[in-house]
Amino acid sequence: MRRQRNRQQDAQHDAEFKQTVMREIAGVMAALAEPARLELLDLLCQCERGVEEVARGVGSKATTVSHHLHVLQDRKLARSRKQGRSVRYSATPLGVRLWGTIAELAAAELSEIKVAISELLEAEKTEENEQTAEQVDYGELLRRLMNDEVVVVDVRPREEFDAGHLPGAGVATTRHSGCTYRRRHRRMESFGISH
């Protein structure tokens, strides 16, 4: 009788544990089910930002962004810290890993994204340069860089570049069509598309 009661208690404990785990995972998935929050998480993975910076980056109202940031924070995908009178947000390690995994899997497995990447690469073709851009992995891009076969242009906003780049990376900025271009000298972080 006692063994049966222990088995029942163990089974109930296992079921409660499983429900807790599934509830937490479902909460994270629900937080990511909103495209706007995915875009915010992508921005926060690049560097720490204030609400106003994020709102400008996604073209949304600060109040809407603030709500989405709180949802991401509640699910441990983003964190905040006070800096003077403002609050700065960044992705947590969980948020970075999860977003990286989702983006990588989606790019590799979803035909719609594969088509969008192909169209983007084809659009990079110009009249002066008939060569089509191609997607390459980090190892191949690094090999091409070391052999001086390519030049990598970093077109991220200044705060993203400042937040993370390889040691020794050089920056040369010029203004062209409203964009700031930064050239990294022979080194780069994972970029994935080269000419």
N, C-alpha and C. Protein backbone atom coordinates (compact mmCIF):
# COMPACT_ATOMS: atom_id res chain seq x y z
N MET A 1 0.82 -1.19 0.00
CA MET A 1 0.00 0.00 0.00
C MET A 1 0.87 1.27 0.00
N ARG A 2 1.93 1.24 0.87
CA ARG A 2 2.82 2.38 0.98
C ARG A 2 3.56 2.62 -0.35
N ARG A 3 4.01 1.53 -1.00
CA ARG A 3 4.69 1.66 -2.29
C ARG A 3 3.79 2.27 -3.34
N GLN A 4 2.53 1.83 -3.35
CA GLN A 4 1.58 2.36 -4.32
C GLN A 4 1.36 3.85 -4.08
N ARG A 5 1.24 4.25 -2.80
CA ARG A 5 1.06 5.66 -2.46
C ARG A 5 2.30 6.46 -2.90
N ASN A 6 3.51 5.93 -2.68
CA ASN A 6 4.73 6.61 -3.11
C ASN A 6 4.78 6.75 -4.63
N ARG A 7 4.36 5.72 -5.33
CA ARG A 7 4.32 5.79 -6.80
C ARG A 7 3.34 6.85 -7.26
N GLN A 8 2.20 6.90 -6.62
CA GLN A 8 1.21 7.91 -6.98
C GLN A 8 1.75 9.31 -6.70
N GLN A 9 2.41 9.50 -5.55
CA GLN A 9 2.99 10.79 -5.22
C GLN A 9 4.11 11.15 -6.21
N ASP A 10 4.93 10.18 -6.57
CA ASP A 10 5.99 10.42 -7.55
C ASP A 10 5.40 10.80 -8.90
N ALA A 11 4.35 10.10 -9.30
CA ALA A 11 3.71 10.40 -10.58
C ALA A 11 3.09 11.79 -10.54
N GLN A 12 2.46 12.15 -9.43
CA GLN A 12 1.87 13.47 -9.30
C GLN A 12 2.96 14.54 -9.31
N HIS A 13 4.05 14.30 -8.60
CA HIS A 13 5.17 15.25 -8.58
C HIS A 13 5.75 15.41 -9.99
N ASP A 14 5.91 14.31 -10.71
CA ASP A 14 6.43 14.37 -12.08
C ASP A 14 5.49 15.17 -12.98
N ALA A 15 4.20 14.95 -12.83
CA ALA A 15 3.22 15.67 -13.65
C ALA A 15 3.25 17.16 -13.34
N GLU A 16 3.35 17.52 -12.06
CA GLU A 16 3.43 18.93 -11.68
C GLU A 16 4.70 19.57 -12.21
N PHE A 17 5.80 18.84 -12.11
CA PHE A 17 7.07 19.34 -12.65
C PHE A 17 6.96 19.60 -14.14
N LYS A 18 6.41 18.63 -14.85
CA LYS A 18 6.27 18.76 -16.30
C LYS A 18 5.36 19.94 -16.66
N GLN A 19 4.27 20.11 -15.93
CA GLN A 19 3.36 21.23 -16.18
C GLN A 19 4.07 22.56 -15.95
N THR A 20 4.88 22.65 -14.90
CA THR A 20 5.61 23.88 -14.61
C THR A 20 6.57 24.21 -15.74
N VAL A 21 7.33 23.22 -16.17
CA VAL A 21 8.29 23.42 -17.26
C VAL A 21 7.57 23.84 -18.54
N MET A 22 6.51 23.14 -18.88
CA MET A 22 5.78 23.46 -20.11
C MET A 22 5.13 24.84 -20.05
N ARG A 23 4.63 25.22 -18.88
CA ARG A 23 4.02 26.53 -18.71
C ARG A 23 5.07 27.63 -18.92
N GLU A 24 6.28 27.44 -18.37
CA GLU A 24 7.34 28.44 -18.54
C GLU A 24 7.79 28.53 -20.00
N ILE A 25 7.95 27.40 -20.65
CA ILE A 25 8.34 27.40 -22.06
C ILE A 25 7.26 28.06 -22.91
N ALA A 26 6.00 27.74 -22.62
CA ALA A 26 4.89 28.35 -23.36
C ALA A 26 4.87 29.86 -23.16
N GLY A 27 5.22 30.33 -21.96
CA GLY A 27 5.28 31.77 -21.70
C GLY A 27 6.34 32.45 -22.54
N VAL A 28 7.50 31.82 -22.66
CA VAL A 28 8.57 32.36 -23.51
C VAL A 28 8.11 32.37 -24.96
N MET A 29 7.51 31.27 -25.40
CA MET A 29 7.03 31.19 -26.79
C MET A 29 5.96 32.25 -27.06
N ALA A 30 5.08 32.48 -26.09
CA ALA A 30 4.05 33.50 -26.27
C ALA A 30 4.68 34.89 -26.39
N ALA A 31 5.72 35.14 -25.60
CA ALA A 31 6.41 36.44 -25.68
C ALA A 31 7.03 36.63 -27.06
N LEU A 32 7.49 35.55 -27.66
CA LEU A 32 8.14 35.64 -28.98
C LEU A 32 7.15 35.53 -30.13
N ALA A 33 5.89 35.26 -29.83
CA ALA A 33 4.90 35.09 -30.88
C ALA A 33 4.48 36.41 -31.52
N GLU A 34 4.93 37.51 -30.97
CA GLU A 34 4.61 38.85 -31.49
C GLU A 34 5.78 39.36 -32.32
N PRO A 35 5.59 39.60 -33.62
CA PRO A 35 6.70 40.07 -34.47
C PRO A 35 7.39 41.32 -33.95
N ALA A 36 6.65 42.22 -33.33
CA ALA A 36 7.27 43.43 -32.80
C ALA A 36 8.28 43.10 -31.71
N ARG A 37 7.96 42.11 -30.88
CA ARG A 37 8.90 41.73 -29.81
C ARG A 37 10.13 41.03 -30.38
N LEU A 38 9.95 40.28 -31.45
CA LEU A 38 11.12 39.67 -32.10
C LEU A 38 12.06 40.75 -32.62
N GLU A 39 11.48 41.79 -33.21
CA GLU A 39 12.30 42.89 -33.72
C GLU A 39 13.04 43.60 -32.57
N LEU A 40 12.34 43.79 -31.46
CA LEU A 40 12.97 44.42 -30.29
C LEU A 40 14.09 43.54 -29.74
N LEU A 41 13.84 42.25 -29.65
CA LEU A 41 14.87 41.34 -29.15
C LEU A 41 16.09 41.36 -30.07
N ASP A 42 15.86 41.41 -31.38
CA ASP A 42 16.97 41.50 -32.33
C ASP A 42 17.80 42.76 -32.06
N LEU A 43 17.14 43.88 -31.86
CA LEU A 43 17.86 45.13 -31.56
C LEU A 43 18.63 45.04 -30.24
N LEU A 44 18.00 44.46 -29.24
CA LEU A 44 18.65 44.36 -27.93
C LEU A 44 19.82 43.39 -27.94
N CYS A 45 19.82 42.44 -28.87
CA CYS A 45 20.96 41.53 -28.99
C CYS A 45 22.18 42.26 -29.56
N GLN A 46 21.96 43.37 -30.24
CA GLN A 46 23.07 44.12 -30.83
C GLN A 46 23.79 44.97 -29.80
N CYS A 47 23.03 45.66 -28.97
CA CYS A 47 23.63 46.48 -27.92
C CYS A 47 22.54 46.99 -26.99
N GLU A 48 22.98 47.51 -25.86
CA GLU A 48 22.08 48.08 -24.87
C GLU A 48 21.48 49.38 -25.41
N ARG A 49 20.20 49.61 -25.12
CA ARG A 49 19.52 50.80 -25.63
C ARG A 49 18.47 51.28 -24.63
N GLY A 50 18.15 52.56 -24.73
CA GLY A 50 17.05 53.12 -23.98
C GLY A 50 15.75 52.95 -24.77
N VAL A 51 14.63 53.16 -24.09
CA VAL A 51 13.32 52.98 -24.74
C VAL A 51 13.19 53.89 -25.96
N GLU A 52 13.58 55.14 -25.83
CA GLU A 52 13.46 56.07 -26.96
C GLU A 52 14.31 55.62 -28.16
N GLU A 53 15.52 55.12 -27.89
CA GLU A 53 16.38 54.61 -28.97
C GLU A 53 15.73 53.43 -29.67
N VAL A 54 15.17 52.53 -28.88
CA VAL A 54 14.51 51.35 -29.45
C VAL A 54 13.30 51.80 -30.27
N ALA A 55 12.52 52.73 -29.73
CA ALA A 55 11.33 53.21 -30.44
C ALA A 55 11.72 53.81 -31.79
N ARG A 56 12.78 54.63 -31.81
CA ARG A 56 13.25 55.19 -33.09
C ARG A 56 13.72 54.09 -34.03
N GLY A 57 14.39 53.09 -33.47
CA GLY A 57 14.94 52.00 -34.28
C GLY A 57 13.89 51.16 -34.96
N VAL A 58 12.71 51.05 -34.35
CA VAL A 58 11.65 50.24 -34.94
C VAL A 58 10.49 51.08 -35.48
N GLY A 59 10.59 52.40 -35.32
CA GLY A 59 9.53 53.27 -35.82
C GLY A 59 8.21 53.10 -35.10
N SER A 60 8.28 53.03 -33.78
CA SER A 60 7.07 52.82 -32.98
C SER A 60 7.03 53.84 -31.85
N LYS A 61 5.91 53.89 -31.13
CA LYS A 61 5.77 54.79 -29.99
C LYS A 61 6.51 54.21 -28.78
N ALA A 62 7.06 55.10 -27.98
CA ALA A 62 7.80 54.68 -26.79
C ALA A 62 6.92 53.89 -25.82
N THR A 63 5.65 54.25 -25.71
CA THR A 63 4.76 53.53 -24.78
C THR A 63 4.54 52.08 -25.24
N THR A 64 4.40 51.89 -26.55
CA THR A 64 4.22 50.54 -27.09
C THR A 64 5.49 49.73 -26.88
N VAL A 65 6.63 50.34 -27.18
CA VAL A 65 7.92 49.67 -27.01
C VAL A 65 8.13 49.31 -25.54
N SER A 66 7.80 50.21 -24.65
CA SER A 66 7.97 49.97 -23.22
C SER A 66 7.16 48.75 -22.78
N HIS A 67 5.94 48.65 -23.26
CA HIS A 67 5.10 47.48 -22.93
C HIS A 67 5.77 46.19 -23.41
N HIS A 68 6.22 46.17 -24.67
CA HIS A 68 6.87 44.98 -25.22
C HIS A 68 8.16 44.65 -24.46
N LEU A 69 8.91 45.66 -24.07
CA LEU A 69 10.15 45.42 -23.32
C LEU A 69 9.85 44.78 -21.96
N HIS A 70 8.76 45.21 -21.34
CA HIS A 70 8.38 44.61 -20.05
C HIS A 70 7.99 43.14 -20.22
N VAL A 71 7.31 42.81 -21.31
CA VAL A 71 6.96 41.41 -21.58
C VAL A 71 8.24 40.59 -21.75
N LEU A 72 9.19 41.10 -22.54
CA LEU A 72 10.45 40.39 -22.73
C LEU A 72 11.21 40.25 -21.41
N GLN A 73 11.15 41.28 -20.60
CA GLN A 73 11.83 41.24 -19.30
C GLN A 73 11.17 40.24 -18.36
N ASP A 74 9.83 40.19 -18.36
CA ASP A 74 9.11 39.23 -17.51
C ASP A 74 9.49 37.80 -17.86
N ARG A 75 9.81 37.55 -19.12
CA ARG A 75 10.15 36.20 -19.58
C ARG A 75 11.65 35.95 -19.59
N LYS A 76 12.41 36.84 -18.96
CA LYS A 76 13.87 36.71 -18.80
C LYS A 76 14.62 36.74 -20.14
N LEU A 77 14.03 37.39 -21.14
CA LEU A 77 14.69 37.54 -22.44
C LEU A 77 15.39 38.88 -22.55
N ALA A 78 15.02 39.82 -21.70
CA ALA A 78 15.65 41.15 -21.67
C ALA A 78 15.84 41.53 -20.20
N ARG A 79 16.76 42.46 -19.99
CA ARG A 79 17.01 42.98 -18.65
C ARG A 79 17.16 44.49 -18.73
N SER A 80 17.03 45.14 -17.60
CA SER A 80 17.16 46.59 -17.58
C SER A 80 18.09 47.01 -16.46
N ARG A 81 18.62 48.21 -16.62
CA ARG A 81 19.43 48.80 -15.56
C ARG A 81 19.22 50.30 -15.61
N LYS A 82 19.27 50.92 -14.43
CA LYS A 82 19.14 52.36 -14.34
C LYS A 82 20.46 53.01 -14.70
N GLN A 83 20.38 54.06 -15.49
CA GLN A 83 21.56 54.88 -15.79
C GLN A 83 21.11 56.32 -15.62
N GLY A 84 21.45 56.88 -14.48
CA GLY A 84 20.97 58.22 -14.18
C GLY A 84 19.46 58.21 -14.05
N ARG A 85 18.81 59.02 -14.86
CA ARG A 85 17.34 59.09 -14.82
C ARG A 85 16.70 58.19 -15.87
N SER A 86 17.48 57.53 -16.68
CA SER A 86 16.91 56.69 -17.72
C SER A 86 17.13 55.21 -17.42
N VAL A 87 16.43 54.37 -18.17
CA VAL A 87 16.54 52.92 -18.04
C VAL A 87 17.09 52.39 -19.35
N ARG A 88 18.10 51.53 -19.26
CA ARG A 88 18.73 50.92 -20.43
C ARG A 88 18.34 49.45 -20.46
N TYR A 89 18.03 48.95 -21.66
CA TYR A 89 17.64 47.55 -21.83
C TYR A 89 18.65 46.83 -22.70
N SER A 90 18.83 45.54 -22.42
CA SER A 90 19.67 44.68 -23.25
C SER A 90 19.09 43.27 -23.20
N ALA A 91 19.51 42.45 -24.15
CA ALA A 91 19.08 41.06 -24.16
C ALA A 91 19.85 40.29 -23.09
N THR A 92 19.21 39.34 -22.47
CA THR A 92 19.88 38.45 -21.52
C THR A 92 20.61 37.37 -22.32
N PRO A 93 21.50 36.62 -21.68
CA PRO A 93 22.12 35.50 -22.39
C PRO A 93 21.09 34.54 -22.98
N LEU A 94 20.01 34.29 -22.25
CA LEU A 94 18.94 33.44 -22.79
C LEU A 94 18.34 34.08 -24.04
N GLY A 95 18.06 35.38 -23.98
CA GLY A 95 17.49 36.07 -25.13
C GLY A 95 18.39 36.01 -26.35
N VAL A 96 19.69 36.21 -26.13
CA VAL A 96 20.66 36.17 -27.24
C VAL A 96 20.71 34.78 -27.85
N ARG A 97 20.85 33.77 -27.00
CA ARG A 97 20.94 32.40 -27.51
C ARG A 97 19.66 31.97 -28.22
N LEU A 98 18.53 32.30 -27.63
CA LEU A 98 17.25 31.90 -28.21
C LEU A 98 17.03 32.58 -29.55
N TRP A 99 17.26 33.90 -29.61
CA TRP A 99 17.07 34.62 -30.87
C TRP A 99 18.04 34.11 -31.94
N GLY A 100 19.30 33.88 -31.56
CA GLY A 100 20.27 33.36 -32.52
C GLY A 100 19.85 32.02 -33.08
N THR A 101 19.37 31.15 -32.22
CA THR A 101 18.93 29.82 -32.65
C THR A 101 17.71 29.91 -33.55
N ILE A 102 16.74 30.72 -33.16
CA ILE A 102 15.52 30.87 -33.96
C ILE A 102 15.86 31.44 -35.34
N ALA A 103 16.66 32.50 -35.37
CA ALA A 103 17.01 33.13 -36.65
C ALA A 103 17.79 32.18 -37.54
N GLU A 104 18.72 31.44 -36.96
CA GLU A 104 19.52 30.49 -37.74
C GLU A 104 18.66 29.38 -38.30
N LEU A 105 17.81 28.80 -37.47
CA LEU A 105 16.92 27.73 -37.94
C LEU A 105 15.94 28.23 -38.99
N ALA A 106 15.38 29.40 -38.76
CA ALA A 106 14.42 29.95 -39.72
C ALA A 106 15.09 30.19 -41.07
N ALA A 107 16.30 30.76 -41.06
CA ALA A 107 17.01 31.03 -42.32
C ALA A 107 17.35 29.74 -43.04
N ALA A 108 17.62 28.68 -42.29
CA ALA A 108 18.01 27.41 -42.89
C ALA A 108 16.82 26.57 -43.35
N GLU A 109 15.70 26.71 -42.67
CA GLU A 109 14.60 25.77 -42.90
C GLU A 109 13.34 26.34 -43.53
N LEU A 110 13.12 27.64 -43.43
CA LEU A 110 11.87 28.20 -43.95
C LEU A 110 12.06 28.71 -45.37
N SER A 111 11.31 28.14 -46.29
CA SER A 111 11.49 28.49 -47.70
C SER A 111 11.22 29.97 -47.96
N GLU A 112 10.28 30.57 -47.24
CA GLU A 112 9.97 31.99 -47.45
C GLU A 112 11.18 32.86 -47.12
N ILE A 113 11.90 32.50 -46.07
CA ILE A 113 13.08 33.27 -45.69
C ILE A 113 14.21 33.02 -46.69
N LYS A 114 14.35 31.79 -47.15
CA LYS A 114 15.37 31.48 -48.17
C LYS A 114 15.12 32.32 -49.42
N VAL A 115 13.86 32.43 -49.82
CA VAL A 115 13.51 33.23 -51.00
C VAL A 115 13.83 34.70 -50.75
N ALA A 116 13.48 35.20 -49.57
CA ALA A 116 13.75 36.61 -49.24
C ALA A 116 15.25 36.89 -49.26
N ILE A 117 16.06 35.98 -48.73
CA ILE A 117 17.51 36.16 -48.76
C ILE A 117 18.02 36.15 -50.19
N SER A 118 17.53 35.23 -51.00
CA SER A 118 17.94 35.18 -52.41
C SER A 118 17.59 36.47 -53.14
N GLU A 119 16.39 36.98 -52.88
CA GLU A 119 15.97 38.23 -53.51
C GLU A 119 16.83 39.40 -53.05
N LEU A 120 17.18 39.43 -51.78
CA LEU A 120 18.05 40.47 -51.26
C LEU A 120 19.42 40.41 -51.92
N LEU A 121 19.97 39.21 -52.01
CA LEU A 121 21.29 39.06 -52.62
C LEU A 121 21.26 39.43 -54.10
N GLU A 122 20.21 39.07 -54.78
CA GLU A 122 20.08 39.42 -56.21
C GLU A 122 19.94 40.93 -56.38
N ALA A 123 19.25 41.58 -55.45
CA ALA A 123 19.06 43.03 -55.51
C ALA A 123 20.37 43.77 -55.32
N GLU A 124 21.35 43.11 -54.72
CA GLU A 124 22.66 43.73 -54.51
C GLU A 124 23.44 43.88 -55.81
N LYS A 125 22.99 43.18 -56.84
CA LYS A 125 23.65 43.29 -58.15
C LYS A 125 23.44 44.70 -58.68
N THR A 126 24.48 45.28 -59.24
CA THR A 126 24.37 46.61 -59.84
C THR A 126 24.82 46.55 -61.28
N GLU A 127 24.56 47.61 -62.01
CA GLU A 127 25.01 47.66 -63.40
C GLU A 127 26.53 47.60 -63.48
N GLU A 128 27.22 48.24 -62.52
CA GLU A 128 28.67 48.23 -62.53
C GLU A 128 29.24 46.88 -62.09
N ASN A 129 28.51 46.21 -61.24
CA ASN A 129 29.00 44.95 -60.69
C ASN A 129 27.96 43.87 -60.95
N GLU A 130 28.17 43.08 -61.97
CA GLU A 130 27.22 42.02 -62.32
C GLU A 130 27.34 40.81 -61.40
N GLN A 131 28.35 40.81 -60.55
CA GLN A 131 28.55 39.69 -59.65
C GLN A 131 27.45 39.69 -58.59
N THR A 132 26.85 38.57 -58.38
CA THR A 132 25.80 38.43 -57.38
C THR A 132 26.41 38.21 -56.01
N ALA A 133 25.83 38.86 -55.00
CA ALA A 133 26.27 38.61 -53.63
C ALA A 133 25.92 37.18 -53.28
N GLU A 134 26.66 36.61 -52.37
CA GLU A 134 26.38 35.25 -51.94
C GLU A 134 26.43 35.15 -50.44
N GLN A 135 25.71 34.19 -49.90
CA GLN A 135 25.72 33.97 -48.47
C GLN A 135 26.82 32.96 -48.18
N VAL A 136 27.69 33.30 -47.22
CA VAL A 136 28.77 32.39 -46.83
C VAL A 136 28.81 32.28 -45.31
N ASP A 137 29.33 31.17 -44.82
CA ASP A 137 29.43 31.03 -43.36
C ASP A 137 30.67 31.76 -42.85
N TYR A 138 30.77 31.84 -41.54
CA TYR A 138 31.83 32.60 -40.90
C TYR A 138 33.22 32.11 -41.31
N GLY A 139 33.41 30.79 -41.32
CA GLY A 139 34.72 30.22 -41.66
C GLY A 139 35.16 30.59 -43.07
N GLU A 140 34.24 30.50 -44.02
CA GLU A 140 34.57 30.85 -45.41
C GLU A 140 34.84 32.34 -45.54
N LEU A 141 34.07 33.16 -44.87
CA LEU A 141 34.29 34.60 -44.94
C LEU A 141 35.63 34.96 -44.32
N LEU A 142 35.95 34.35 -43.20
CA LEU A 142 37.25 34.61 -42.57
C LEU A 142 38.39 34.20 -43.49
N ARG A 143 38.26 33.05 -44.16
CA ARG A 143 39.28 32.61 -45.11
C ARG A 143 39.48 33.63 -46.21
N ARG A 144 38.36 34.13 -46.76
CA ARG A 144 38.44 35.12 -47.84
C ARG A 144 39.06 36.43 -47.35
N LEU A 145 38.75 36.80 -46.12
CA LEU A 145 39.35 38.02 -45.55
C LEU A 145 40.86 37.87 -45.41
N MET A 146 41.28 36.74 -44.88
CA MET A 146 42.70 36.52 -44.66
C MET A 146 43.47 36.45 -45.99
N ASN A 147 42.81 36.04 -47.05
CA ASN A 147 43.44 35.97 -48.37
C ASN A 147 43.22 37.25 -49.18
N ASP A 148 42.70 38.29 -48.53
CA ASP A 148 42.43 39.57 -49.19
C ASP A 148 41.54 39.42 -50.43
N GLU A 149 40.60 38.48 -50.38
CA GLU A 149 39.68 38.27 -51.48
C GLU A 149 38.44 39.14 -51.36
N VAL A 150 38.16 39.62 -50.15
CA VAL A 150 36.97 40.43 -49.91
C VAL A 150 37.30 41.58 -48.97
N VAL A 151 36.45 42.58 -49.00
CA VAL A 151 36.47 43.67 -48.04
C VAL A 151 35.10 43.65 -47.37
N VAL A 152 35.08 43.72 -46.07
CA VAL A 152 33.81 43.70 -45.34
C VAL A 152 33.46 45.11 -44.93
N VAL A 153 32.24 45.49 -45.23
CA VAL A 153 31.75 46.81 -44.86
C VAL A 153 30.68 46.62 -43.79
N ASP A 154 30.89 47.24 -42.66
CA ASP A 154 29.97 47.15 -41.54
C ASP A 154 29.04 48.34 -41.60
N VAL A 155 27.77 48.11 -41.81
CA VAL A 155 26.81 49.21 -41.97
C VAL A 155 25.88 49.34 -40.77
N ARG A 156 26.31 48.77 -39.65
CA ARG A 156 25.50 48.90 -38.45
C ARG A 156 25.56 50.32 -37.91
N PRO A 157 24.55 50.73 -37.15
CA PRO A 157 24.62 52.03 -36.48
C PRO A 157 25.81 52.09 -35.55
N ARG A 158 26.30 53.29 -35.32
CA ARG A 158 27.51 53.51 -34.53
C ARG A 158 27.45 52.83 -33.16
N GLU A 159 26.31 52.93 -32.47
CA GLU A 159 26.23 52.35 -31.13
C GLU A 159 26.38 50.83 -31.17
N GLU A 160 25.92 50.18 -32.23
CA GLU A 160 26.09 48.74 -32.35
C GLU A 160 27.54 48.39 -32.60
N PHE A 161 28.20 49.15 -33.47
CA PHE A 161 29.61 48.91 -33.73
C PHE A 161 30.41 49.09 -32.45
N ASP A 162 30.13 50.18 -31.73
CA ASP A 162 30.84 50.46 -30.49
C ASP A 162 30.61 49.38 -29.43
N ALA A 163 29.41 48.78 -29.45
CA ALA A 163 29.07 47.77 -28.45
C ALA A 163 29.78 46.45 -28.70
N GLY A 164 30.17 46.18 -29.92
CA GLY A 164 30.81 44.90 -30.17
C GLY A 164 31.45 44.79 -31.52
N HIS A 165 32.76 44.68 -31.51
CA HIS A 165 33.50 44.36 -32.72
C HIS A 165 34.81 43.70 -32.31
N LEU A 166 35.46 43.08 -33.24
CA LEU A 166 36.67 42.37 -32.91
C LEU A 166 37.79 43.32 -32.54
N PRO A 167 38.65 42.94 -31.60
CA PRO A 167 39.80 43.78 -31.26
C PRO A 167 40.64 44.05 -32.51
N GLY A 168 41.07 45.27 -32.65
CA GLY A 168 41.89 45.63 -33.80
C GLY A 168 41.09 46.02 -35.02
N ALA A 169 39.78 45.96 -34.94
CA ALA A 169 38.96 46.36 -36.09
C ALA A 169 39.11 47.86 -36.28
N GLY A 170 39.34 48.27 -37.51
CA GLY A 170 39.46 49.68 -37.82
C GLY A 170 38.13 50.24 -38.26
N VAL A 171 37.94 51.51 -38.07
CA VAL A 171 36.70 52.16 -38.46
C VAL A 171 37.03 53.35 -39.35
N ALA A 172 36.45 53.36 -40.53
CA ALA A 172 36.54 54.53 -41.41
C ALA A 172 35.11 54.89 -41.76
N THR A 173 34.68 56.09 -41.43
CA THR A 173 33.29 56.45 -41.69
C THR A 173 33.22 57.50 -42.78
N THR A 174 32.20 57.34 -43.62
CA THR A 174 31.90 58.32 -44.66
C THR A 174 30.40 58.41 -44.75
N ARG A 175 29.91 59.50 -45.21
CA ARG A 175 28.47 59.66 -45.42
C ARG A 175 28.15 59.40 -46.88
N HIS A 176 27.13 58.55 -47.10
CA HIS A 176 26.69 58.26 -48.45
C HIS A 176 25.23 57.88 -48.40
N SER A 177 24.39 58.62 -49.05
CA SER A 177 22.96 58.35 -49.11
C SER A 177 22.35 58.17 -47.72
N GLY A 178 22.81 58.98 -46.76
CA GLY A 178 22.22 58.93 -45.43
C GLY A 178 22.69 57.77 -44.58
N CYS A 179 23.60 56.94 -45.06
CA CYS A 179 24.09 55.80 -44.29
C CYS A 179 25.52 56.05 -43.87
N THR A 180 25.90 55.51 -42.75
CA THR A 180 27.28 55.57 -42.32
C THR A 180 27.89 54.20 -42.57
N TYR A 181 28.98 54.16 -43.30
CA TYR A 181 29.64 52.90 -43.60
C TYR A 181 30.91 52.81 -42.76
N ARG A 182 31.18 51.64 -42.23
CA ARG A 182 32.38 51.42 -41.46
C ARG A 182 33.11 50.24 -42.04
N ARG A 183 34.37 50.44 -42.32
CA ARG A 183 35.17 49.36 -42.89
C ARG A 183 36.00 48.72 -41.79
N ARG A 184 35.93 47.45 -41.69
CA ARG A 184 36.74 46.73 -40.73
C ARG A 184 37.96 46.21 -41.45
N HIS A 185 39.08 46.36 -40.83
CA HIS A 185 40.33 45.98 -41.46
C HIS A 185 40.65 44.51 -41.18
N ARG A 186 40.48 43.66 -42.18
CA ARG A 186 40.87 42.26 -42.21
C ARG A 186 40.21 41.37 -41.15
N ARG A 187 39.39 41.91 -40.31
CA ARG A 187 38.72 41.09 -39.31
C ARG A 187 37.27 41.48 -39.25
N MET A 188 36.44 40.58 -38.80
CA MET A 188 35.02 40.90 -38.64
C MET A 188 34.33 39.88 -37.77
N GLU A 189 33.15 40.26 -37.34
CA GLU A 189 32.30 39.32 -36.62
C GLU A 189 31.46 38.58 -37.65
N SER A 190 30.70 37.65 -37.22
CA SER A 190 29.87 36.88 -38.13
C SER A 190 28.95 37.82 -38.91
N PHE A 191 29.04 37.79 -40.23
CA PHE A 191 28.26 38.68 -41.09
C PHE A 191 27.42 37.86 -42.04
N GLY A 192 28.04 36.91 -42.73
CA GLY A 192 27.30 35.95 -43.52
C GLY A 192 27.05 36.27 -44.96
N ILE A 193 27.14 37.52 -45.39
CA ILE A 193 26.91 37.85 -46.79
C ILE A 193 28.12 38.62 -47.28
N SER A 194 28.69 38.20 -48.40
CA SER A 194 29.84 38.91 -48.95
C SER A 194 29.67 39.03 -50.46
N HIS A 195 30.40 39.96 -51.05
CA HIS A 195 30.38 40.12 -52.51
C HIS A 195 31.55 39.37 -53.09
